[in-house]
């Protein structure tokens, strides 16, 4: 087996667009209702948005600026 990395098996549409959009909407709703946090933690430190992008768009968001832009889109 080859060395496992963040890019191993990276591909688009592991989750479909409908699920991606629903989960982003849920993040937005919970953040607004709970002052920037949900049951999983504080939005500022959360990894859900980068994970959703990885699973739907097939891209890794690793740089802080990239992650911030993605999070700002759902705010």
PDB file of N, CA and C in Angstrom:
ATOM      1  N   UNK A   1       0.843  -1.180   0.000  1.00  0.00           N
ATOM      2  CA  UNK A   1       0.000   0.000   0.000  1.00  0.00           C
ATOM      3  C   UNK A   1       0.887   1.242   0.000  1.00  0.00           C
ATOM      4  N   UNK A   2       0.517   2.234  -0.793  1.00  0.00           N
ATOM      5  CA  UNK A   2       1.300   3.454  -0.868  1.00  0.00           C
ATOM      6  C   UNK A   2       1.084   4.301   0.391  1.00  0.00           C
ATOM      7  N   UNK A   3       1.940   5.266   0.556  1.00  0.00           N
ATOM      8  CA  UNK A   3       1.883   6.133   1.723  1.00  0.00           C
ATOM      9  C   UNK A   3       0.564   6.915   1.739  1.00  0.00           C
ATOM     10  N   UNK A   4      -0.124   6.895   2.863  1.00  0.00           N
ATOM     11  CA  UNK A   4      -1.403   7.582   3.027  1.00  0.00           C
ATOM     12  C   UNK A   4      -1.160   9.068   3.291  1.00  0.00           C
ATOM     13  N   UNK A   5      -1.795   9.937   2.495  1.00  0.00           N
ATOM     14  CA  UNK A   5      -1.691  11.385   2.669  1.00  0.00           C
ATOM     15  C   UNK A   5      -3.088  11.985   2.569  1.00  0.00           C
ATOM     16  N   UNK A   6      -3.173  13.282   2.766  1.00  0.00           N
ATOM     17  CA  UNK A   6      -4.460  13.981   2.646  1.00  0.00           C
ATOM     18  C   UNK A   6      -5.014  13.913   1.229  1.00  0.00           C
ATOM     19  N   UNK A   7      -4.148  13.658   0.259  1.00  0.00           N
ATOM     20  CA  UNK A   7      -4.579  13.619  -1.139  1.00  0.00           C
ATOM     21  C   UNK A   7      -4.871  12.208  -1.637  1.00  0.00           C
ATOM     22  N   UNK A   8      -4.622  11.202  -0.806  1.00  0.00           N
ATOM     23  CA  UNK A   8      -4.884   9.826  -1.198  1.00  0.00           C
ATOM     24  C   UNK A   8      -6.373   9.641  -1.482  1.00  0.00           C
ATOM     25  N   UNK A   9      -6.702   9.230  -2.690  1.00  0.00           N
ATOM     26  CA  UNK A   9      -8.091   8.997  -3.061  1.00  0.00           C
ATOM     27  C   UNK A   9      -8.927  10.254  -3.226  1.00  0.00           C
ATOM     28  N   UNK A  10      -8.289  11.408  -3.296  1.00  0.00           N
ATOM     29  CA  UNK A  10      -9.008  12.675  -3.420  1.00  0.00           C
ATOM     30  C   UNK A  10      -9.795  12.698  -4.726  1.00  0.00           C
ATOM     31  N   UNK A  11     -11.108  12.910  -4.621  1.00  0.00           N
ATOM     32  CA  UNK A  11     -11.953  12.981  -5.800  1.00  0.00           C
ATOM     33  C   UNK A  11     -13.203  13.811  -5.505  1.00  0.00           C
ATOM     34  N   UNK A  12     -13.824  14.280  -6.563  1.00  0.00           N
ATOM     35  CA  UNK A  12     -15.039  15.094  -6.447  1.00  0.00           C
ATOM     36  C   UNK A  12     -16.251  14.220  -6.166  1.00  0.00           C
ATOM     37  N   UNK A  13     -17.271  14.863  -5.625  1.00  0.00           N
ATOM     38  CA  UNK A  13     -18.606  14.293  -5.473  1.00  0.00           C
ATOM     39  C   UNK A  13     -18.694  13.035  -4.611  1.00  0.00           C
ATOM     40  N   UNK A  14     -17.848  12.951  -3.588  1.00  0.00           N
ATOM     41  CA  UNK A  14     -18.014  11.890  -2.599  1.00  0.00           C
ATOM     42  C   UNK A  14     -19.375  12.109  -1.924  1.00  0.00           C
ATOM     43  N   UNK A  15     -19.674  13.386  -1.677  1.00  0.00           N
ATOM     44  CA  UNK A  15     -21.041  13.757  -1.285  1.00  0.00           C
ATOM     45  C   UNK A  15     -21.588  14.623  -2.413  1.00  0.00           C
ATOM     46  N   UNK A  16     -22.863  14.470  -2.721  1.00  0.00           N
ATOM     47  CA  UNK A  16     -23.428  15.202  -3.851  1.00  0.00           C
ATOM     48  C   UNK A  16     -23.715  16.665  -3.492  1.00  0.00           C
ATOM     49  N   UNK A  17     -24.064  17.431  -4.495  1.00  0.00           N
ATOM     50  CA  UNK A  17     -24.282  18.870  -4.328  1.00  0.00           C
ATOM     51  C   UNK A  17     -25.408  19.152  -3.329  1.00  0.00           C
ATOM     52  N   UNK A  18     -26.459  18.384  -3.367  1.00  0.00           N
ATOM     53  CA  UNK A  18     -27.591  18.585  -2.460  1.00  0.00           C
ATOM     54  C   UNK A  18     -27.158  18.426  -0.998  1.00  0.00           C
ATOM     55  N   UNK A  19     -26.411  17.387  -0.706  1.00  0.00           N
ATOM     56  CA  UNK A  19     -25.927  17.156   0.659  1.00  0.00           C
ATOM     57  C   UNK A  19     -24.953  18.266   1.054  1.00  0.00           C
ATOM     58  N   UNK A  20     -24.053  18.632   0.162  1.00  0.00           N
ATOM     59  CA  UNK A  20     -23.089  19.706   0.407  1.00  0.00           C
ATOM     60  C   UNK A  20     -23.813  20.996   0.773  1.00  0.00           C
ATOM     61  N   UNK A  21     -24.777  21.394  -0.030  1.00  0.00           N
ATOM     62  CA  UNK A  21     -25.510  22.633   0.218  1.00  0.00           C
ATOM     63  C   UNK A  21     -26.337  22.561   1.496  1.00  0.00           C
ATOM     64  N   UNK A  22     -26.935  21.418   1.769  1.00  0.00           N
ATOM     65  CA  UNK A  22     -27.718  21.258   2.994  1.00  0.00           C
ATOM     66  C   UNK A  22     -26.832  21.389   4.229  1.00  0.00           C
ATOM     67  N   UNK A  23     -25.675  20.773   4.203  1.00  0.00           N
ATOM     68  CA  UNK A  23     -24.768  20.837   5.351  1.00  0.00           C
ATOM     69  C   UNK A  23     -24.199  22.242   5.538  1.00  0.00           C
ATOM     70  N   UNK A  24     -23.907  22.944   4.449  1.00  0.00           N
ATOM     71  CA  UNK A  24     -23.470  24.335   4.571  1.00  0.00           C
ATOM     72  C   UNK A  24     -24.581  25.199   5.166  1.00  0.00           C
ATOM     73  N   UNK A  25     -25.803  24.983   4.725  1.00  0.00           N
ATOM     74  CA  UNK A  25     -26.944  25.743   5.256  1.00  0.00           C
ATOM     75  C   UNK A  25     -27.133  25.457   6.741  1.00  0.00           C
ATOM     76  N   UNK A  26     -26.942  24.221   7.137  1.00  0.00           N
ATOM     77  CA  UNK A  26     -27.056  23.857   8.543  1.00  0.00           C
ATOM     78  C   UNK A  26     -25.970  24.552   9.367  1.00  0.00           C
ATOM     79  N   UNK A  27     -24.746  24.578   8.869  1.00  0.00           N
ATOM     80  CA  UNK A  27     -23.668  25.302   9.555  1.00  0.00           C
ATOM     81  C   UNK A  27     -24.041  26.772   9.735  1.00  0.00           C
ATOM     82  N   UNK A  28     -24.511  27.374   8.653  1.00  0.00           N
ATOM     83  CA  UNK A  28     -24.902  28.792   8.685  1.00  0.00           C
ATOM     84  C   UNK A  28     -25.990  29.026   9.733  1.00  0.00           C
ATOM     85  N   UNK A  29     -27.013  28.220   9.717  1.00  0.00           N
ATOM     86  CA  UNK A  29     -28.155  28.364  10.622  1.00  0.00           C
ATOM     87  C   UNK A  29     -27.723  28.214  12.080  1.00  0.00           C
ATOM     88  N   UNK A  30     -27.000  27.157  12.381  1.00  0.00           N
ATOM     89  CA  UNK A  30     -26.576  26.915  13.760  1.00  0.00           C
ATOM     90  C   UNK A  30     -25.633  28.003  14.255  1.00  0.00           C
ATOM     91  N   UNK A  31     -24.739  28.462  13.397  1.00  0.00           N
ATOM     92  CA  UNK A  31     -23.816  29.525  13.774  1.00  0.00           C
ATOM     93  C   UNK A  31     -24.568  30.805  14.119  1.00  0.00           C
ATOM     94  N   UNK A  32     -25.542  31.152  13.289  1.00  0.00           N
ATOM     95  CA  UNK A  32     -26.327  32.374  13.532  1.00  0.00           C
ATOM     96  C   UNK A  32     -27.171  32.251  14.794  1.00  0.00           C
ATOM     97  N   UNK A  33     -27.746  31.099  15.016  1.00  0.00           N
ATOM     98  CA  UNK A  33     -28.612  30.901  16.179  1.00  0.00           C
ATOM     99  C   UNK A  33     -27.840  30.799  17.489  1.00  0.00           C
ATOM    100  N   UNK A  34     -26.591  30.366  17.416  1.00  0.00           N
ATOM    101  CA  UNK A  34     -25.829  30.083  18.631  1.00  0.00           C
ATOM    102  C   UNK A  34     -24.578  30.927  18.799  1.00  0.00           C
ATOM    103  N   UNK A  35     -24.551  32.078  18.160  1.00  0.00           N
ATOM    104  CA  UNK A  35     -23.425  32.989  18.351  1.00  0.00           C
ATOM    105  C   UNK A  35     -22.075  32.456  17.920  1.00  0.00           C
ATOM    106  N   UNK A  36     -22.030  31.796  16.777  1.00  0.00           N
ATOM    107  CA  UNK A  36     -20.755  31.337  16.234  1.00  0.00           C
ATOM    108  C   UNK A  36     -20.297  29.986  16.741  1.00  0.00           C
ATOM    109  N   UNK A  37     -21.243  29.172  17.181  1.00  0.00           N
ATOM    110  CA  UNK A  37     -20.870  27.827  17.607  1.00  0.00           C
ATOM    111  C   UNK A  37     -22.046  26.882  17.434  1.00  0.00           C
ATOM    112  N   UNK A  38     -21.742  25.606  17.514  1.00  0.00           N
ATOM    113  CA  UNK A  38     -22.781  24.579  17.484  1.00  0.00           C
ATOM    114  C   UNK A  38     -22.363  23.463  18.418  1.00  0.00           C
ATOM    115  N   UNK A  39     -23.029  22.352  18.361  1.00  0.00           N
ATOM    116  CA  UNK A  39     -22.709  21.237  19.228  1.00  0.00           C
ATOM    117  C   UNK A  39     -21.339  20.634  18.962  1.00  0.00           C
ATOM    118  N   UNK A  40     -20.735  20.954  17.830  1.00  0.00           N
ATOM    119  CA  UNK A  40     -19.428  20.403  17.492  1.00  0.00           C
ATOM    120  C   UNK A  40     -18.289  21.312  17.914  1.00  0.00           C
ATOM    121  N   UNK A  41     -18.592  22.570  18.223  1.00  0.00           N
ATOM    122  CA  UNK A  41     -17.535  23.482  18.646  1.00  0.00           C
ATOM    123  C   UNK A  41     -17.761  24.891  18.155  1.00  0.00           C
ATOM    124  N   UNK A  42     -16.674  25.668  18.170  1.00  0.00           N
ATOM    125  CA  UNK A  42     -16.689  27.073  17.768  1.00  0.00           C
ATOM    126  C   UNK A  42     -16.352  27.163  16.279  1.00  0.00           C
ATOM    127  N   UNK A  43     -17.178  27.882  15.541  1.00  0.00           N
ATOM    128  CA  UNK A  43     -17.032  27.959  14.083  1.00  0.00           C
ATOM    129  C   UNK A  43     -15.619  28.376  13.654  1.00  0.00           C
ATOM    130  N   UNK A  44     -15.053  29.300  14.362  1.00  0.00           N
ATOM    131  CA  UNK A  44     -13.725  29.810  14.016  1.00  0.00           C
ATOM    132  C   UNK A  44     -12.677  28.691  13.949  1.00  0.00           C
ATOM    133  N   UNK A  45     -12.831  27.678  14.778  1.00  0.00           N
ATOM    134  CA  UNK A  45     -11.861  26.585  14.844  1.00  0.00           C
ATOM    135  C   UNK A  45     -12.355  25.300  14.189  1.00  0.00           C
ATOM    136  N   UNK A  46     -13.510  25.340  13.590  1.00  0.00           N
ATOM    137  CA  UNK A  46     -14.162  24.139  13.086  1.00  0.00           C
ATOM    138  C   UNK A  46     -13.556  23.651  11.767  1.00  0.00           C
ATOM    139  N   UNK A  47     -13.527  22.344  11.599  1.00  0.00           N
ATOM    140  CA  UNK A  47     -13.018  21.740  10.375  1.00  0.00           C
ATOM    141  C   UNK A  47     -14.092  21.204   9.449  1.00  0.00           C
ATOM    142  N   UNK A  48     -15.369  21.445   9.780  1.00  0.00           N
ATOM    143  CA  UNK A  48     -16.455  20.905   8.955  1.00  0.00           C
ATOM    144  C   UNK A  48     -16.445  21.502   7.550  1.00  0.00           C
ATOM    145  N   UNK A  49     -16.298  22.797   7.432  1.00  0.00           N
ATOM    146  CA  UNK A  49     -16.331  23.437   6.107  1.00  0.00           C
ATOM    147  C   UNK A  49     -15.207  22.895   5.211  1.00  0.00           C
ATOM    148  N   UNK A  50     -13.953  22.859   5.673  1.00  0.00           N
ATOM    149  CA  UNK A  50     -12.918  22.266   4.815  1.00  0.00           C
ATOM    150  C   UNK A  50     -13.202  20.804   4.465  1.00  0.00           C
ATOM    151  N   UNK A  51     -13.753  20.051   5.394  1.00  0.00           N
ATOM    152  CA  UNK A  51     -14.089  18.654   5.107  1.00  0.00           C
ATOM    153  C   UNK A  51     -15.179  18.554   4.038  1.00  0.00           C
ATOM    154  N   UNK A  52     -16.203  19.383   4.140  1.00  0.00           N
ATOM    155  CA  UNK A  52     -17.271  19.372   3.140  1.00  0.00           C
ATOM    156  C   UNK A  52     -16.719  19.719   1.752  1.00  0.00           C
ATOM    157  N   UNK A  53     -15.840  20.718   1.680  1.00  0.00           N
ATOM    158  CA  UNK A  53     -15.230  21.085   0.400  1.00  0.00           C
ATOM    159  C   UNK A  53     -14.411  19.922  -0.152  1.00  0.00           C
ATOM    160  N   UNK A  54     -13.678  19.244   0.717  1.00  0.00           N
ATOM    161  CA  UNK A  54     -12.877  18.103   0.272  1.00  0.00           C
ATOM    162  C   UNK A  54     -13.771  17.004  -0.295  1.00  0.00           C
ATOM    163  N   UNK A  55     -14.858  16.699   0.399  1.00  0.00           N
ATOM    164  CA  UNK A  55     -15.722  15.600  -0.016  1.00  0.00           C
ATOM    165  C   UNK A  55     -16.599  15.924  -1.221  1.00  0.00           C
ATOM    166  N   UNK A  56     -16.948  17.195  -1.415  1.00  0.00           N
ATOM    167  CA  UNK A  56     -17.793  17.530  -2.559  1.00  0.00           C
ATOM    168  C   UNK A  56     -16.988  18.043  -3.755  1.00  0.00           C
ATOM    169  N   UNK A  57     -16.084  18.973  -3.512  1.00  0.00           N
ATOM    170  CA  UNK A  57     -15.366  19.601  -4.620  1.00  0.00           C
ATOM    171  C   UNK A  57     -14.050  18.911  -4.955  1.00  0.00           C
ATOM    172  N   UNK A  58     -13.589  18.041  -4.050  1.00  0.00           N
ATOM    173  CA  UNK A  58     -12.340  17.336  -4.316  1.00  0.00           C
ATOM    174  C   UNK A  58     -11.111  18.211  -4.182  1.00  0.00           C
ATOM    175  N   UNK A  59     -11.204  19.257  -3.352  1.00  0.00           N
ATOM    176  CA  UNK A  59     -10.066  20.148  -3.129  1.00  0.00           C
ATOM    177  C   UNK A  59      -9.745  20.206  -1.641  1.00  0.00           C
ATOM    178  N   UNK A  60      -8.466  20.378  -1.354  1.00  0.00           N
ATOM    179  CA  UNK A  60      -8.037  20.527   0.026  1.00  0.00           C
ATOM    180  C   UNK A  60      -7.917  22.009   0.355  1.00  0.00           C
ATOM    181  N   UNK A  61      -8.534  22.410   1.413  1.00  0.00           N
ATOM    182  CA  UNK A  61      -8.376  23.769   1.922  1.00  0.00           C
ATOM    183  C   UNK A  61      -7.453  23.648   3.126  1.00  0.00           C
ATOM    184  N   UNK A  62      -6.207  24.068   2.951  1.00  0.00           N
ATOM    185  CA  UNK A  62      -5.227  23.914   4.017  1.00  0.00           C
ATOM    186  C   UNK A  62      -4.671  25.239   4.508  1.00  0.00           C
ATOM    187  N   UNK A  63      -4.613  26.211   3.653  1.00  0.00           N
ATOM    188  CA  UNK A  63      -4.087  27.518   4.044  1.00  0.00           C
ATOM    189  C   UNK A  63      -5.151  28.293   4.817  1.00  0.00           C
ATOM    190  N   UNK A  64      -4.751  28.966   5.886  1.00  0.00           N
ATOM    191  CA  UNK A  64      -5.726  29.721   6.675  1.00  0.00           C
ATOM    192  C   UNK A  64      -6.572  30.701   5.842  1.00  0.00           C
ATOM    193  N   UNK A  65      -5.967  31.347   4.861  1.00  0.00           N
ATOM    194  CA  UNK A  65      -6.719  32.289   4.018  1.00  0.00           C
ATOM    195  C   UNK A  65      -7.780  31.574   3.187  1.00  0.00           C
ATOM    196  N   UNK A  66      -7.460  30.391   2.666  1.00  0.00           N
ATOM    197  CA  UNK A  66      -8.425  29.597   1.895  1.00  0.00           C
ATOM    198  C   UNK A  66      -9.608  29.191   2.772  1.00  0.00           C
ATOM    199  N   UNK A  67      -9.298  28.745   3.959  1.00  0.00           N
ATOM    200  CA  UNK A  67     -10.345  28.288   4.890  1.00  0.00           C
ATOM    201  C   UNK A  67     -11.230  29.455   5.287  1.00  0.00           C
ATOM    202  N   UNK A  68     -10.625  30.597   5.551  1.00  0.00           N
ATOM    203  CA  UNK A  68     -11.395  31.787   5.928  1.00  0.00           C
ATOM    204  C   UNK A  68     -12.340  32.200   4.798  1.00  0.00           C
ATOM    205  N   UNK A  69     -11.845  32.212   3.563  1.00  0.00           N
ATOM    206  CA  UNK A  69     -12.713  32.568   2.422  1.00  0.00           C
ATOM    207  C   UNK A  69     -13.890  31.618   2.310  1.00  0.00           C
ATOM    208  N   UNK A  70     -13.656  30.333   2.467  1.00  0.00           N
ATOM    209  CA  UNK A  70     -14.739  29.355   2.384  1.00  0.00           C
ATOM    210  C   UNK A  70     -15.757  29.566   3.501  1.00  0.00           C
ATOM    211  N   UNK A  71     -15.277  29.810   4.712  1.00  0.00           N
ATOM    212  CA  UNK A  71     -16.169  30.042   5.837  1.00  0.00           C
ATOM    213  C   UNK A  71     -16.945  31.343   5.660  1.00  0.00           C
ATOM    214  N   UNK A  72     -16.292  32.369   5.129  1.00  0.00           N
ATOM    215  CA  UNK A  72     -16.960  33.654   4.904  1.00  0.00           C
ATOM    216  C   UNK A  72     -18.089  33.538   3.885  1.00  0.00           C
ATOM    217  N   UNK A  73     -17.958  32.621   2.934  1.00  0.00           N
ATOM    218  CA  UNK A  73     -19.001  32.424   1.925  1.00  0.00           C
ATOM    219  C   UNK A  73     -20.300  31.932   2.541  1.00  0.00           C
ATOM    220  N   UNK A  74     -20.235  31.193   3.625  1.00  0.00           N
ATOM    221  CA  UNK A  74     -21.452  30.651   4.206  1.00  0.00           C
ATOM    222  C   UNK A  74     -22.028  31.534   5.317  1.00  0.00           C
ATOM    223  N   UNK A  75     -21.276  32.533   5.721  1.00  0.00           N
ATOM    224  CA  UNK A  75     -21.720  33.409   6.821  1.00  0.00           C
ATOM    225  C   UNK A  75     -22.937  34.209   6.464  1.00  0.00           C
TER     226      UNK A  75
END
